[in-house]
N, C-alpha and C. Protein backbone atom coordinates (compact mmCIF):
# COMPACT_ATOMS: atom_id res chain seq x y z
N MET A 1 7.50 -23.49 2.89
CA MET A 1 7.01 -24.13 4.19
C MET A 1 5.38 -24.03 3.98
N PRO A 2 4.67 -25.11 3.49
CA PRO A 2 3.32 -25.11 3.30
C PRO A 2 2.65 -25.09 4.62
N GLY A 3 1.44 -24.60 4.68
CA GLY A 3 0.77 -24.71 5.99
C GLY A 3 0.99 -23.21 6.73
N LEU A 4 1.90 -22.48 6.52
CA LEU A 4 2.08 -21.42 7.20
C LEU A 4 1.12 -20.11 6.85
N TYR A 5 0.82 -20.17 5.39
CA TYR A 5 0.14 -19.29 4.64
C TYR A 5 -1.38 -19.71 4.44
N ASN A 6 -2.28 -18.97 5.11
CA ASN A 6 -3.63 -19.30 5.01
C ASN A 6 -4.28 -17.95 4.29
N LYS A 7 -4.68 -18.03 2.87
CA LYS A 7 -5.31 -16.85 2.51
C LYS A 7 -6.60 -16.32 3.01
N SER A 8 -7.36 -17.22 3.77
CA SER A 8 -8.43 -16.79 4.37
C SER A 8 -8.46 -15.81 5.51
N TYR A 9 -7.13 -15.98 5.94
CA TYR A 9 -6.76 -14.92 7.10
C TYR A 9 -5.76 -13.99 6.76
N ALA A 10 -5.43 -13.86 5.46
CA ALA A 10 -4.30 -12.82 5.18
C ALA A 10 -4.49 -11.42 5.57
N ALA A 11 -5.51 -10.93 5.68
CA ALA A 11 -5.96 -9.58 5.96
C ALA A 11 -5.57 -9.53 7.76
N GLU A 12 -5.99 -10.35 8.38
CA GLU A 12 -6.11 -10.42 10.02
C GLU A 12 -4.36 -10.41 10.11
N TYR A 13 -3.76 -11.53 9.51
CA TYR A 13 -2.41 -11.88 9.84
C TYR A 13 -1.70 -10.42 9.41
N ALA A 14 -2.00 -9.85 8.30
CA ALA A 14 -1.15 -8.84 7.94
C ALA A 14 -1.44 -7.49 8.97
N PHE A 15 -2.45 -7.50 9.44
CA PHE A 15 -2.90 -6.41 10.35
C PHE A 15 -2.11 -6.79 11.65
N ALA A 16 -2.19 -7.75 12.22
CA ALA A 16 -1.35 -8.27 13.29
C ALA A 16 -0.01 -8.07 13.50
N HIS A 17 0.60 -8.37 12.33
CA HIS A 17 2.00 -8.14 12.04
C HIS A 17 2.40 -6.61 12.11
N PHE A 18 1.46 -5.83 11.44
CA PHE A 18 1.44 -4.41 11.28
C PHE A 18 1.50 -3.79 12.95
N VAL A 19 0.57 -4.15 13.59
CA VAL A 19 0.62 -3.39 14.90
C VAL A 19 1.69 -3.89 15.70
N GLU A 20 2.06 -5.02 15.52
CA GLU A 20 3.52 -5.46 16.48
C GLU A 20 4.57 -4.66 15.94
N ARG A 21 4.59 -4.39 14.70
CA ARG A 21 5.86 -3.62 14.10
C ARG A 21 5.63 -2.12 14.70
N VAL A 22 4.57 -1.65 14.64
CA VAL A 22 4.17 -0.31 15.11
C VAL A 22 4.68 -0.21 16.64
N GLN A 23 4.33 -1.22 17.35
CA GLN A 23 4.71 -1.29 18.84
C GLN A 23 6.22 -1.42 19.16
N MET A 24 6.92 -2.08 18.18
CA MET A 24 8.28 -2.39 18.24
C MET A 24 8.95 -0.91 17.75
N CYS A 25 8.43 -0.19 16.85
CA CYS A 25 9.08 0.99 16.30
C CYS A 25 8.97 2.08 17.49
N VAL A 26 7.68 2.32 18.03
CA VAL A 26 7.66 3.46 19.05
C VAL A 26 7.86 2.94 20.27
N GLY A 27 8.21 1.76 20.67
CA GLY A 27 8.84 1.52 21.93
C GLY A 27 7.60 2.15 23.27
N ASN A 28 8.21 2.59 24.13
CA ASN A 28 7.24 3.36 25.09
C ASN A 28 6.54 4.68 24.72
N SER A 29 6.79 4.98 23.75
CA SER A 29 6.05 6.31 23.35
C SER A 29 4.54 6.23 22.87
N PRO A 30 3.69 6.85 23.52
CA PRO A 30 2.21 6.41 22.97
C PRO A 30 2.09 7.14 21.84
N CYS A 31 1.15 6.30 20.95
CA CYS A 31 0.68 6.48 19.56
C CYS A 31 -0.70 6.21 19.49
N ILE A 32 -1.55 6.75 18.16
CA ILE A 32 -2.56 6.05 17.84
C ILE A 32 -2.29 5.58 16.34
N LEU A 33 -3.28 4.62 16.10
CA LEU A 33 -3.26 4.18 14.50
C LEU A 33 -4.32 4.66 13.93
N ILE A 34 -4.11 5.58 12.65
CA ILE A 34 -5.01 6.17 11.88
C ILE A 34 -5.21 5.45 10.52
N GLY A 35 -6.09 5.04 9.95
CA GLY A 35 -6.27 4.28 8.79
C GLY A 35 -7.22 5.03 7.92
N ASP A 36 -7.07 4.66 6.61
CA ASP A 36 -8.17 5.11 5.49
C ASP A 36 -9.35 4.28 5.41
N ILE A 37 -10.58 4.80 5.43
CA ILE A 37 -11.55 3.93 5.87
C ILE A 37 -12.20 3.28 4.71
N ASP A 38 -12.44 1.92 5.10
CA ASP A 38 -12.86 0.92 4.25
C ASP A 38 -13.78 0.35 5.09
N ASP A 39 -15.26 0.31 4.62
CA ASP A 39 -16.32 -0.08 5.60
C ASP A 39 -16.06 -1.56 6.01
N GLU A 40 -15.81 -2.43 5.11
CA GLU A 40 -15.72 -3.89 5.41
C GLU A 40 -14.50 -3.92 6.49
N GLN A 41 -13.34 -3.60 5.96
CA GLN A 41 -12.36 -3.87 6.94
C GLN A 41 -12.12 -2.87 8.33
N VAL A 42 -12.88 -1.80 8.23
CA VAL A 42 -12.95 -1.18 9.57
C VAL A 42 -13.65 -2.08 10.69
N ARG A 43 -14.71 -2.70 10.62
CA ARG A 43 -15.12 -3.59 11.51
C ARG A 43 -14.16 -4.67 12.03
N ASN A 44 -13.64 -5.26 10.85
CA ASN A 44 -12.68 -6.50 11.46
C ASN A 44 -11.64 -5.77 12.02
N MET A 45 -10.80 -4.55 11.53
CA MET A 45 -9.74 -4.12 12.33
C MET A 45 -10.15 -3.61 13.74
N VAL A 46 -11.24 -2.90 13.98
CA VAL A 46 -11.72 -2.60 15.29
C VAL A 46 -11.82 -3.67 16.18
N ARG A 47 -12.55 -4.73 15.71
CA ARG A 47 -12.72 -5.99 16.61
C ARG A 47 -11.21 -6.66 16.89
N ASP A 48 -10.47 -6.91 15.76
CA ASP A 48 -9.17 -7.71 15.90
C ASP A 48 -8.33 -6.87 16.95
N PHE A 49 -8.24 -5.32 16.74
CA PHE A 49 -7.28 -4.72 17.57
C PHE A 49 -7.88 -4.70 19.02
N ALA A 50 -9.06 -4.66 19.32
CA ALA A 50 -9.40 -4.79 20.61
C ALA A 50 -9.09 -6.08 21.37
N GLN A 51 -8.98 -7.20 20.66
CA GLN A 51 -8.54 -8.54 21.18
C GLN A 51 -7.12 -8.23 21.30
N TYR A 52 -6.29 -7.85 20.41
CA TYR A 52 -4.91 -7.59 20.61
C TYR A 52 -4.58 -6.75 21.71
N ARG A 53 -5.28 -5.58 22.11
CA ARG A 53 -5.12 -4.80 23.41
C ARG A 53 -5.36 -5.71 24.65
N ALA A 54 -6.19 -6.53 24.41
CA ALA A 54 -6.61 -7.32 25.70
C ALA A 54 -5.77 -8.44 25.93
N ARG A 55 -5.31 -9.19 24.93
CA ARG A 55 -4.57 -10.51 24.91
C ARG A 55 -3.34 -10.35 24.36
N GLY A 56 -2.77 -9.39 23.71
CA GLY A 56 -1.69 -9.39 22.78
C GLY A 56 -2.12 -10.15 21.44
N THR A 57 -0.83 -10.03 20.66
CA THR A 57 -1.08 -10.54 19.26
C THR A 57 -1.25 -12.07 19.18
N PRO A 58 -2.00 -12.52 18.32
CA PRO A 58 -2.29 -13.90 18.28
C PRO A 58 -1.36 -15.03 18.07
N TRP A 59 -0.23 -15.02 18.41
CA TRP A 59 0.84 -16.00 18.06
C TRP A 59 1.38 -16.42 19.45
N ALA A 60 2.00 -17.74 19.27
CA ALA A 60 2.73 -18.23 20.36
C ALA A 60 3.62 -17.16 21.19
N HIS A 61 4.30 -16.33 20.32
CA HIS A 61 5.21 -15.49 20.80
C HIS A 61 4.79 -14.05 20.53
N GLY A 62 3.28 -13.84 20.63
CA GLY A 62 2.86 -12.52 20.35
C GLY A 62 3.19 -11.55 21.33
N ILE A 63 3.09 -10.23 21.05
CA ILE A 63 3.38 -9.32 21.91
C ILE A 63 2.33 -8.46 22.41
N GLU A 64 2.64 -7.82 23.63
CA GLU A 64 1.72 -6.97 24.28
C GLU A 64 1.74 -5.62 23.78
N LEU A 65 0.56 -4.87 23.49
CA LEU A 65 0.29 -3.65 22.95
C LEU A 65 0.40 -2.65 24.03
N ARG A 66 1.55 -1.95 24.37
CA ARG A 66 1.67 -1.19 25.44
C ARG A 66 1.21 0.31 25.11
N SER A 67 1.89 0.76 23.99
CA SER A 67 2.04 2.19 23.58
C SER A 67 0.85 2.74 22.60
N VAL A 68 0.26 1.79 21.87
CA VAL A 68 -0.95 2.11 21.12
C VAL A 68 -1.96 2.39 22.01
N VAL A 69 -2.23 3.51 22.08
CA VAL A 69 -3.26 3.94 23.41
C VAL A 69 -4.75 3.80 23.04
N ASP A 70 -5.22 3.74 21.91
CA ASP A 70 -6.59 3.62 21.69
C ASP A 70 -6.89 2.66 20.48
N THR A 71 -8.33 2.47 20.17
CA THR A 71 -8.50 1.78 19.06
C THR A 71 -8.06 2.44 17.78
N VAL A 72 -8.13 1.78 16.52
CA VAL A 72 -7.65 2.20 15.35
C VAL A 72 -8.71 3.34 14.91
N HIS A 73 -8.38 4.77 14.57
CA HIS A 73 -9.26 5.62 14.13
C HIS A 73 -9.11 5.52 12.63
N PHE A 74 -10.39 5.95 11.97
CA PHE A 74 -10.41 5.58 10.61
C PHE A 74 -11.03 7.07 10.07
N CYS A 75 -10.66 7.51 8.84
CA CYS A 75 -11.09 8.74 8.19
C CYS A 75 -10.81 8.59 6.82
N ARG A 76 -11.56 9.24 5.89
CA ARG A 76 -11.63 9.21 4.59
C ARG A 76 -10.26 10.01 4.26
N SER A 77 -9.48 9.39 3.50
CA SER A 77 -8.05 9.99 3.16
C SER A 77 -8.42 11.24 2.35
N HIS A 78 -9.39 11.24 1.42
CA HIS A 78 -9.67 12.51 0.74
C HIS A 78 -10.19 13.60 1.47
N HIS A 79 -10.60 13.45 2.81
CA HIS A 79 -11.11 14.57 3.87
C HIS A 79 -9.99 15.03 4.59
N SER A 80 -8.73 14.40 4.55
CA SER A 80 -7.60 14.73 5.48
C SER A 80 -6.46 14.91 4.73
N ARG A 81 -5.99 16.22 4.73
CA ARG A 81 -4.70 16.35 4.19
C ARG A 81 -3.53 15.66 4.78
N LEU A 82 -3.55 15.69 6.28
CA LEU A 82 -2.52 14.83 6.95
C LEU A 82 -2.64 13.50 6.55
N VAL A 83 -3.53 12.72 6.54
CA VAL A 83 -3.61 11.58 6.00
C VAL A 83 -3.11 11.18 4.69
N GLN A 84 -3.49 12.13 3.50
CA GLN A 84 -2.64 12.19 2.21
C GLN A 84 -1.52 12.46 2.43
N LEU A 85 -0.88 13.17 3.09
CA LEU A 85 0.43 13.43 3.31
C LEU A 85 1.38 12.25 3.68
N ALA A 86 0.72 11.65 4.64
CA ALA A 86 1.23 10.22 5.24
C ALA A 86 1.21 9.24 4.32
N ASP A 87 0.26 9.02 3.43
CA ASP A 87 0.14 8.21 2.35
C ASP A 87 1.19 8.39 1.47
N ALA A 88 1.41 9.78 1.17
CA ALA A 88 2.36 9.96 -0.01
C ALA A 88 3.60 9.72 0.45
N TYR A 89 4.07 10.10 1.77
CA TYR A 89 5.35 9.84 2.31
C TYR A 89 5.77 8.29 2.33
N VAL A 90 4.69 7.60 2.73
CA VAL A 90 4.92 6.15 2.50
C VAL A 90 5.07 5.59 1.40
N TRP A 91 4.55 6.00 0.46
CA TRP A 91 4.47 5.58 -1.15
C TRP A 91 5.85 5.74 -1.51
N LEU A 92 6.34 7.04 -1.14
CA LEU A 92 7.57 7.35 -1.56
C LEU A 92 8.97 6.78 -0.90
N GLU A 93 8.55 6.50 0.26
CA GLU A 93 9.80 5.66 1.00
C GLU A 93 9.75 4.32 0.42
N THR A 94 8.65 3.80 0.23
CA THR A 94 8.57 2.21 -0.27
C THR A 94 8.81 2.18 -1.72
N HIS A 95 8.98 3.43 -2.66
CA HIS A 95 9.13 3.33 -3.89
C HIS A 95 10.33 2.62 -4.24
N SER A 96 11.43 2.51 -3.70
CA SER A 96 12.74 1.91 -3.85
C SER A 96 12.74 0.44 -3.61
N TRP A 97 11.71 -0.05 -2.94
CA TRP A 97 11.59 -1.45 -2.65
C TRP A 97 10.65 -2.08 -3.69
N GLY A 98 9.97 -1.23 -4.41
CA GLY A 98 8.60 -1.69 -5.24
C GLY A 98 9.35 -2.27 -6.56
N ILE A 99 8.36 -2.79 -7.43
CA ILE A 99 8.68 -3.38 -8.62
C ILE A 99 8.12 -2.63 -9.77
N ARG A 100 8.09 -1.36 -9.44
CA ARG A 100 7.47 -0.36 -10.78
C ARG A 100 8.58 -0.36 -11.62
N LYS A 101 8.07 -0.25 -13.01
CA LYS A 101 9.18 -0.04 -13.91
C LYS A 101 8.66 1.14 -14.80
N GLY A 102 9.55 1.48 -15.69
CA GLY A 102 9.06 2.36 -16.96
C GLY A 102 9.47 3.93 -16.52
N GLN A 103 9.09 4.76 -17.25
CA GLN A 103 9.64 6.36 -17.25
C GLN A 103 9.15 6.96 -16.01
N MET A 104 8.00 6.93 -15.43
CA MET A 104 7.65 7.36 -14.27
C MET A 104 8.38 6.95 -13.00
N ALA A 105 8.61 5.59 -13.02
CA ALA A 105 9.32 5.09 -12.06
C ALA A 105 10.87 5.71 -11.95
N GLU A 106 11.37 5.73 -13.04
CA GLU A 106 12.74 6.25 -13.32
C GLU A 106 12.67 7.66 -12.93
N LEU A 107 11.72 8.42 -13.07
CA LEU A 107 11.57 9.98 -12.79
C LEU A 107 11.73 10.03 -11.23
N VAL A 108 10.74 9.18 -10.55
CA VAL A 108 10.67 9.58 -9.24
C VAL A 108 12.11 9.08 -8.58
N SER A 109 12.57 7.93 -8.95
CA SER A 109 13.78 7.49 -8.59
C SER A 109 15.06 8.45 -8.58
N GLU A 110 15.09 9.26 -9.74
CA GLU A 110 15.95 10.21 -10.00
C GLU A 110 15.86 11.45 -8.90
N ALA A 111 14.43 11.79 -8.72
CA ALA A 111 14.24 13.00 -8.09
C ALA A 111 14.43 12.76 -6.55
N VAL A 112 14.57 11.39 -6.17
CA VAL A 112 14.93 11.39 -4.69
C VAL A 112 16.20 10.90 -4.52
N LYS A 113 16.79 10.61 -5.42
CA LYS A 113 18.35 10.09 -5.39
C LYS A 113 19.00 10.85 -4.44
N GLY A 114 19.69 10.41 -3.53
CA GLY A 114 20.67 11.22 -2.64
C GLY A 114 19.86 11.78 -1.59
N LYS A 115 18.64 11.99 -1.49
CA LYS A 115 17.85 12.56 -0.68
C LYS A 115 17.47 12.02 0.65
N ASN A 116 17.73 12.44 1.88
CA ASN A 116 17.46 11.81 3.23
C ASN A 116 15.98 12.16 3.45
N LEU A 117 14.96 10.92 3.33
CA LEU A 117 13.81 11.20 3.42
C LEU A 117 13.35 10.70 4.92
N PHE A 118 14.17 10.43 5.69
CA PHE A 118 13.85 10.21 7.16
C PHE A 118 13.44 11.35 7.85
N PRO A 119 12.41 11.45 8.66
CA PRO A 119 11.90 12.54 9.39
C PRO A 119 13.17 12.73 10.52
N THR A 120 13.40 14.15 10.65
CA THR A 120 14.44 14.50 11.45
C THR A 120 13.72 15.62 12.50
N ASN A 121 12.67 16.09 12.46
CA ASN A 121 12.15 16.94 13.39
C ASN A 121 10.93 16.44 13.76
N TYR A 122 10.50 16.46 15.34
CA TYR A 122 9.37 15.96 15.71
C TYR A 122 8.78 16.81 16.42
N LYS A 123 7.33 16.69 16.35
CA LYS A 123 6.44 17.50 17.27
C LYS A 123 5.90 16.56 18.40
N HIS A 124 6.12 17.02 19.66
CA HIS A 124 5.30 16.20 20.68
C HIS A 124 4.23 16.96 21.09
N TRP A 125 3.22 16.15 21.43
CA TRP A 125 2.05 16.69 22.01
C TRP A 125 1.77 15.84 23.46
N PRO A 126 1.21 16.30 24.36
CA PRO A 126 1.38 17.97 24.63
C PRO A 126 2.70 18.32 24.86
N ALA A 127 2.96 19.48 24.42
CA ALA A 127 4.07 20.23 24.61
C ALA A 127 4.66 20.26 26.06
N LYS A 128 5.75 19.81 26.41
CA LYS A 128 6.44 19.57 27.57
C LYS A 128 7.02 20.86 28.14
């Protein structure tokens, strides 16, 4: 389908799709978005997210962001063990969908084979 992809807006479109998916995943539970800092993209994401919060995502059938309660918060991942842990978890979860080949990819696949990596315990803040 030509005309649907515009590489000039690839980052903005990807971000808009991402925040929609976050909203769909969390439902009515409040959440925040935390990202690894990249000076150029930080300004763009903060600007775009403010627009999405005010008017919804930028499509004909865009959605309202009800549960993402604040702007995107950024930190340098090498300063935060929690962000590093989240990054490692996402990498491990997406490993099976990737196209990595070779001995290291096989070792990772073997290490997680049969393991349920889905989180089963949740911490709620503030405590109820």
